[in-house]
Amino acid sequence: MIETAEETITTCQRCGAPIEQKPGRGHRSRLYCDDRGKCRQRAHRARKQVQAQDTANVTPNVTNGDLQQRIAQLEQDLAAAHHLIDEYINRKKTSQPWKKSLQERWAQLGKAADHPALTIPIRVPAGERAYRVFGLAASNELLEEGNVTLRRQLEE
């Protein structure tokens, strides 16, 4: 930028043409030789094009094989997590005889009914693991109610 006593001369950010800046305070510095014209529009379009290319290149060169490999890795991680959960559930036992009998009955009825989803005062999702977790965490009253509900479903 060249400064003289009265005016400042800069260059256009798009084409490099000289721009005379108005002297004094309060005037904004011009960035393009024609703020409403071609250089400003072209610079704007160029910025948008670069942004679009950056967005398109978020996952560059990812192939179907790479995705299949990632899916396989995630499935292995999930299986390992399920194994840990099952180990925890198998280790967790109750010492109360009444609760133990309720849990055993819950497991038997659940298996006989193929572990359906139940809605008692709370919702029990379908599946063996959900039944095992519920059996460990539920109160005696909820286990009794679940057992009664399962027995009724089996009788129907």
C-alpha atoms as a PDB file:
ATOM      1  CA  MET A   1       0.000   0.000   0.000  1.00  0.00           C
ATOM      2  CA  ILE A   2       1.411   3.380  -1.011  1.00  0.00           C
ATOM      3  CA  GLU A   3       0.468   6.313   1.196  1.00  0.00           C
ATOM      4  CA  THR A   4       0.702   9.935   0.182  1.00  0.00           C
ATOM      5  CA  ALA A   5      -0.441  13.030   2.025  1.00  0.00           C
ATOM      6  CA  GLU A   6      -3.823  13.053   0.351  1.00  0.00           C
ATOM      7  CA  GLU A   7      -4.535   9.543  -0.921  1.00  0.00           C
ATOM      8  CA  THR A   8      -3.630   5.913  -0.518  1.00  0.00           C
ATOM      9  CA  ILE A   9      -3.169   3.536  -3.421  1.00  0.00           C
ATOM     10  CA  THR A  10      -3.706  -0.212  -2.997  1.00  0.00           C
ATOM     11  CA  THR A  11      -4.187  -3.055  -5.427  1.00  0.00           C
ATOM     12  CA  CYS A  12      -7.295  -5.089  -6.218  1.00  0.00           C
ATOM     13  CA  GLN A  13      -7.279  -8.454  -4.401  1.00  0.00           C
ATOM     14  CA  ARG A  14      -8.614 -10.179  -7.510  1.00  0.00           C
ATOM     15  CA  CYS A  15      -6.852  -8.654 -10.523  1.00  0.00           C
ATOM     16  CA  GLY A  16      -4.083  -6.535  -9.002  1.00  0.00           C
ATOM     17  CA  ALA A  17      -5.209  -3.242 -10.576  1.00  0.00           C
ATOM     18  CA  PRO A  18      -4.376  -0.092  -8.602  1.00  0.00           C
ATOM     19  CA  ILE A  19      -7.137   1.334  -6.422  1.00  0.00           C
ATOM     20  CA  GLU A  20      -7.244   4.886  -5.124  1.00  0.00           C
ATOM     21  CA  GLN A  21      -8.529   5.032  -1.583  1.00  0.00           C
ATOM     22  CA  LYS A  22     -10.456   8.084  -0.407  1.00  0.00           C
ATOM     23  CA  PRO A  23      -8.477  10.176   2.053  1.00  0.00           C
ATOM     24  CA  GLY A  24      -9.564  10.864   5.610  1.00  0.00           C
ATOM     25  CA  ARG A  25     -11.102   8.908   8.423  1.00  0.00           C
ATOM     26  CA  GLY A  26     -14.388   7.079   8.183  1.00  0.00           C
ATOM     27  CA  HIS A  27     -13.980   5.656   4.713  1.00  0.00           C
ATOM     28  CA  ARG A  28     -13.670   1.918   4.439  1.00  0.00           C
ATOM     29  CA  SER A  29     -10.747   0.546   2.492  1.00  0.00           C
ATOM     30  CA  ARG A  30     -11.695  -0.787  -0.914  1.00  0.00           C
ATOM     31  CA  LEU A  31     -10.563  -4.319  -1.619  1.00  0.00           C
ATOM     32  CA  TYR A  32     -11.546  -4.615  -5.279  1.00  0.00           C
ATOM     33  CA  CYS A  33     -11.221  -2.244  -8.220  1.00  0.00           C
ATOM     34  CA  ASP A  34     -15.002  -2.279  -8.716  1.00  0.00           C
ATOM     35  CA  ASP A  35     -16.820  -3.234  -5.501  1.00  0.00           C
ATOM     36  CA  ARG A  36     -20.094  -3.931  -7.332  1.00  0.00           C
ATOM     37  CA  GLY A  37     -18.587  -5.382 -10.441  1.00  0.00           C
ATOM     38  CA  LYS A  38     -16.723  -8.295 -11.870  1.00  0.00           C
ATOM     39  CA  CYS A  39     -13.712  -8.553  -9.555  1.00  0.00           C
ATOM     40  CA  ARG A  40     -15.770  -8.703  -6.374  1.00  0.00           C
ATOM     41  CA  GLN A  41     -18.152 -11.288  -7.866  1.00  0.00           C
ATOM     42  CA  ARG A  42     -15.322 -13.400  -9.246  1.00  0.00           C
ATOM     43  CA  ALA A  43     -13.527 -13.377  -5.898  1.00  0.00           C
ATOM     44  CA  HIS A  44     -16.745 -14.404  -4.158  1.00  0.00           C
ATOM     45  CA  ARG A  45     -17.330 -17.243  -6.645  1.00  0.00           C
ATOM     46  CA  ALA A  46     -13.739 -18.413  -6.269  1.00  0.00           C
ATOM     47  CA  ARG A  47     -14.123 -18.567  -2.458  1.00  0.00           C
ATOM     48  CA  LYS A  48     -17.380 -20.524  -2.798  1.00  0.00           C
ATOM     49  CA  GLN A  49     -15.737 -22.969  -5.219  1.00  0.00           C
ATOM     50  CA  VAL A  50     -12.859 -23.595  -2.787  1.00  0.00           C
ATOM     51  CA  GLN A  51     -15.360 -24.169   0.041  1.00  0.00           C
ATOM     52  CA  ALA A  52     -17.322 -26.634  -2.103  1.00  0.00           C
ATOM     53  CA  GLN A  53     -14.150 -28.552  -2.941  1.00  0.00           C
ATOM     54  CA  ASP A  54     -13.157 -28.669   0.727  1.00  0.00           C
ATOM     55  CA  THR A  55     -16.601 -30.020   1.637  1.00  0.00           C
ATOM     56  CA  ALA A  56     -16.457 -32.632  -1.120  1.00  0.00           C
ATOM     57  CA  ASN A  57     -13.051 -33.834   0.085  1.00  0.00           C
ATOM     58  CA  VAL A  58     -14.124 -34.598   3.666  1.00  0.00           C
ATOM     59  CA  THR A  59     -13.602 -38.324   3.072  1.00  0.00           C
ATOM     60  CA  PRO A  60     -11.147 -38.447   0.201  1.00  0.00           C
ATOM     61  CA  ASN A  61     -10.407 -41.714  -1.572  1.00  0.00           C
ATOM     62  CA  VAL A  62     -12.580 -43.927   0.642  1.00  0.00           C
ATOM     63  CA  THR A  63     -13.325 -47.152  -1.166  1.00  0.00           C
ATOM     64  CA  ASN A  64     -15.992 -49.742  -0.596  1.00  0.00           C
ATOM     65  CA  GLY A  65     -13.317 -52.123   0.674  1.00  0.00           C
ATOM     66  CA  ASP A  66     -12.228 -49.564   3.280  1.00  0.00           C
ATOM     67  CA  LEU A  67     -15.815 -49.192   4.452  1.00  0.00           C
ATOM     68  CA  GLN A  68     -16.312 -52.963   4.641  1.00  0.00           C
ATOM     69  CA  GLN A  69     -13.118 -53.269   6.667  1.00  0.00           C
ATOM     70  CA  ARG A  70     -14.306 -50.527   9.055  1.00  0.00           C
ATOM     71  CA  ILE A  71     -17.685 -52.248   9.456  1.00  0.00           C
ATOM     72  CA  ALA A  72     -15.977 -55.551  10.240  1.00  0.00           C
ATOM     73  CA  GLN A  73     -13.803 -53.847  12.872  1.00  0.00           C
ATOM     74  CA  LEU A  74     -16.835 -52.189  14.482  1.00  0.00           C
ATOM     75  CA  GLU A  75     -18.693 -55.514  14.556  1.00  0.00           C
ATOM     76  CA  GLN A  76     -15.727 -57.135  16.321  1.00  0.00           C
ATOM     77  CA  ASP A  77     -15.639 -54.275  18.847  1.00  0.00           C
ATOM     78  CA  LEU A  78     -19.378 -54.663  19.460  1.00  0.00           C
ATOM     79  CA  ALA A  79     -19.042 -58.420  19.939  1.00  0.00           C
ATOM     80  CA  ALA A  80     -16.247 -57.849  22.468  1.00  0.00           C
ATOM     81  CA  ALA A  81     -18.422 -55.354  24.352  1.00  0.00           C
ATOM     82  CA  HIS A  82     -21.348 -57.806  24.402  1.00  0.00           C
ATOM     83  CA  HIS A  83     -19.006 -60.496  25.723  1.00  0.00           C
ATOM     84  CA  LEU A  84     -17.923 -58.212  28.588  1.00  0.00           C
ATOM     85  CA  ILE A  85     -21.547 -57.421  29.414  1.00  0.00           C
ATOM     86  CA  ASP A  86     -22.423 -61.120  29.437  1.00  0.00           C
ATOM     87  CA  GLU A  87     -19.489 -61.877  31.749  1.00  0.00           C
ATOM     88  CA  TYR A  88     -20.636 -59.162  34.143  1.00  0.00           C
ATOM     89  CA  ILE A  89     -24.225 -60.419  34.101  1.00  0.00           C
ATOM     90  CA  ASN A  90     -23.106 -64.002  34.740  1.00  0.00           C
ATOM     91  CA  ARG A  91     -20.944 -62.952  37.719  1.00  0.00           C
ATOM     92  CA  LYS A  92     -23.616 -60.833  39.351  1.00  0.00           C
ATOM     93  CA  LYS A  93     -25.662 -63.064  41.629  1.00  0.00           C
ATOM     94  CA  THR A  94     -28.008 -62.332  44.487  1.00  0.00           C
ATOM     95  CA  SER A  95     -27.730 -63.829  47.943  1.00  0.00           C
ATOM     96  CA  GLN A  96     -31.428 -63.429  48.809  1.00  0.00           C
ATOM     97  CA  PRO A  97     -33.268 -66.721  48.297  1.00  0.00           C
ATOM     98  CA  TRP A  98     -36.634 -65.135  47.405  1.00  0.00           C
ATOM     99  CA  LYS A  99     -35.056 -62.828  44.822  1.00  0.00           C
ATOM    100  CA  LYS A 100     -33.025 -65.730  43.443  1.00  0.00           C
ATOM    101  CA  SER A 101     -36.168 -67.819  42.932  1.00  0.00           C
ATOM    102  CA  LEU A 102     -37.901 -64.860  41.236  1.00  0.00           C
ATOM    103  CA  GLN A 103     -34.918 -64.378  38.936  1.00  0.00           C
ATOM    104  CA  GLU A 104     -34.825 -68.069  38.036  1.00  0.00           C
ATOM    105  CA  ARG A 105     -38.565 -68.085  37.311  1.00  0.00           C
ATOM    106  CA  TRP A 106     -38.158 -64.906  35.235  1.00  0.00           C
ATOM    107  CA  ALA A 107     -35.401 -66.556  33.186  1.00  0.00           C
ATOM    108  CA  GLN A 108     -37.478 -69.726  32.640  1.00  0.00           C
ATOM    109  CA  LEU A 109     -40.619 -67.861  31.607  1.00  0.00           C
ATOM    110  CA  GLY A 110     -38.644 -65.511  29.386  1.00  0.00           C
ATOM    111  CA  LYS A 111     -37.012 -68.415  27.593  1.00  0.00           C
ATOM    112  CA  ALA A 112     -40.341 -70.222  27.201  1.00  0.00           C
ATOM    113  CA  ALA A 113     -41.961 -67.080  25.728  1.00  0.00           C
ATOM    114  CA  ASP A 114     -38.896 -66.330  23.547  1.00  0.00           C
ATOM    115  CA  HIS A 115     -38.110 -63.113  25.463  1.00  0.00           C
ATOM    116  CA  PRO A 116     -40.858 -60.832  24.074  1.00  0.00           C
ATOM    117  CA  ALA A 117     -41.002 -57.103  24.763  1.00  0.00           C
ATOM    118  CA  LEU A 118     -43.151 -56.404  27.832  1.00  0.00           C
ATOM    119  CA  THR A 119     -44.777 -53.330  29.244  1.00  0.00           C
ATOM    120  CA  ILE A 120     -45.340 -53.600  32.953  1.00  0.00           C
ATOM    121  CA  PRO A 121     -44.923 -50.441  35.036  1.00  0.00           C
ATOM    122  CA  ILE A 122     -41.710 -50.150  33.009  1.00  0.00           C
ATOM    123  CA  ARG A 123     -40.871 -51.363  29.506  1.00  0.00           C
ATOM    124  CA  VAL A 124     -38.702 -54.448  29.169  1.00  0.00           C
ATOM    125  CA  PRO A 125     -37.202 -54.693  25.663  1.00  0.00           C
ATOM    126  CA  ALA A 126     -37.271 -57.965  23.783  1.00  0.00           C
ATOM    127  CA  GLY A 127     -34.238 -60.226  23.925  1.00  0.00           C
ATOM    128  CA  GLU A 128     -32.416 -62.533  26.279  1.00  0.00           C
ATOM    129  CA  ARG A 129     -29.832 -59.959  27.375  1.00  0.00           C
ATOM    130  CA  ALA A 130     -32.536 -57.400  28.224  1.00  0.00           C
ATOM    131  CA  TYR A 131     -34.324 -60.020  30.297  1.00  0.00           C
ATOM    132  CA  ARG A 132     -31.143 -60.936  32.154  1.00  0.00           C
ATOM    133  CA  VAL A 133     -30.360 -57.309  32.938  1.00  0.00           C
ATOM    134  CA  PHE A 134     -33.928 -56.664  34.087  1.00  0.00           C
ATOM    135  CA  GLY A 135     -33.833 -59.777  36.257  1.00  0.00           C
ATOM    136  CA  LEU A 136     -30.717 -58.530  38.020  1.00  0.00           C
ATOM    137  CA  ALA A 137     -31.785 -54.915  38.468  1.00  0.00           C
ATOM    138  CA  ALA A 138     -35.534 -55.118  39.101  1.00  0.00           C
ATOM    139  CA  SER A 139     -37.167 -55.070  42.493  1.00  0.00           C
ATOM    140  CA  ASN A 140     -38.961 -58.141  43.778  1.00  0.00           C
ATOM    141  CA  GLU A 141     -42.318 -56.515  43.024  1.00  0.00           C
ATOM    142  CA  LEU A 142     -41.412 -55.818  39.401  1.00  0.00           C
ATOM    143  CA  LEU A 143     -40.057 -59.345  38.963  1.00  0.00           C
ATOM    144  CA  GLU A 144     -43.277 -60.797  40.353  1.00  0.00           C
ATOM    145  CA  GLU A 145     -45.361 -58.617  38.052  1.00  0.00           C
ATOM    146  CA  GLY A 146     -43.175 -59.547  35.088  1.00  0.00           C
ATOM    147  CA  ASN A 147     -43.503 -63.233  35.923  1.00  0.00           C
ATOM    148  CA  VAL A 148     -47.295 -62.948  36.127  1.00  0.00           C
ATOM    149  CA  THR A 149     -47.434 -61.099  32.802  1.00  0.00           C
ATOM    150  CA  LEU A 150     -45.226 -63.687  31.101  1.00  0.00           C
ATOM    151  CA  ARG A 151     -47.255 -66.559  32.533  1.00  0.00           C
ATOM    152  CA  ARG A 152     -50.460 -64.991  31.167  1.00  0.00           C
ATOM    153  CA  GLN A 153     -48.868 -64.562  27.734  1.00  0.00           C
ATOM    154  CA  LEU A 154     -47.812 -68.208  27.701  1.00  0.00           C
ATOM    155  CA  GLU A 155     -51.307 -69.353  28.667  1.00  0.00           C
ATOM    156  CA  GLU A 156     -52.918 -67.456  25.785  1.00  0.00           C
END
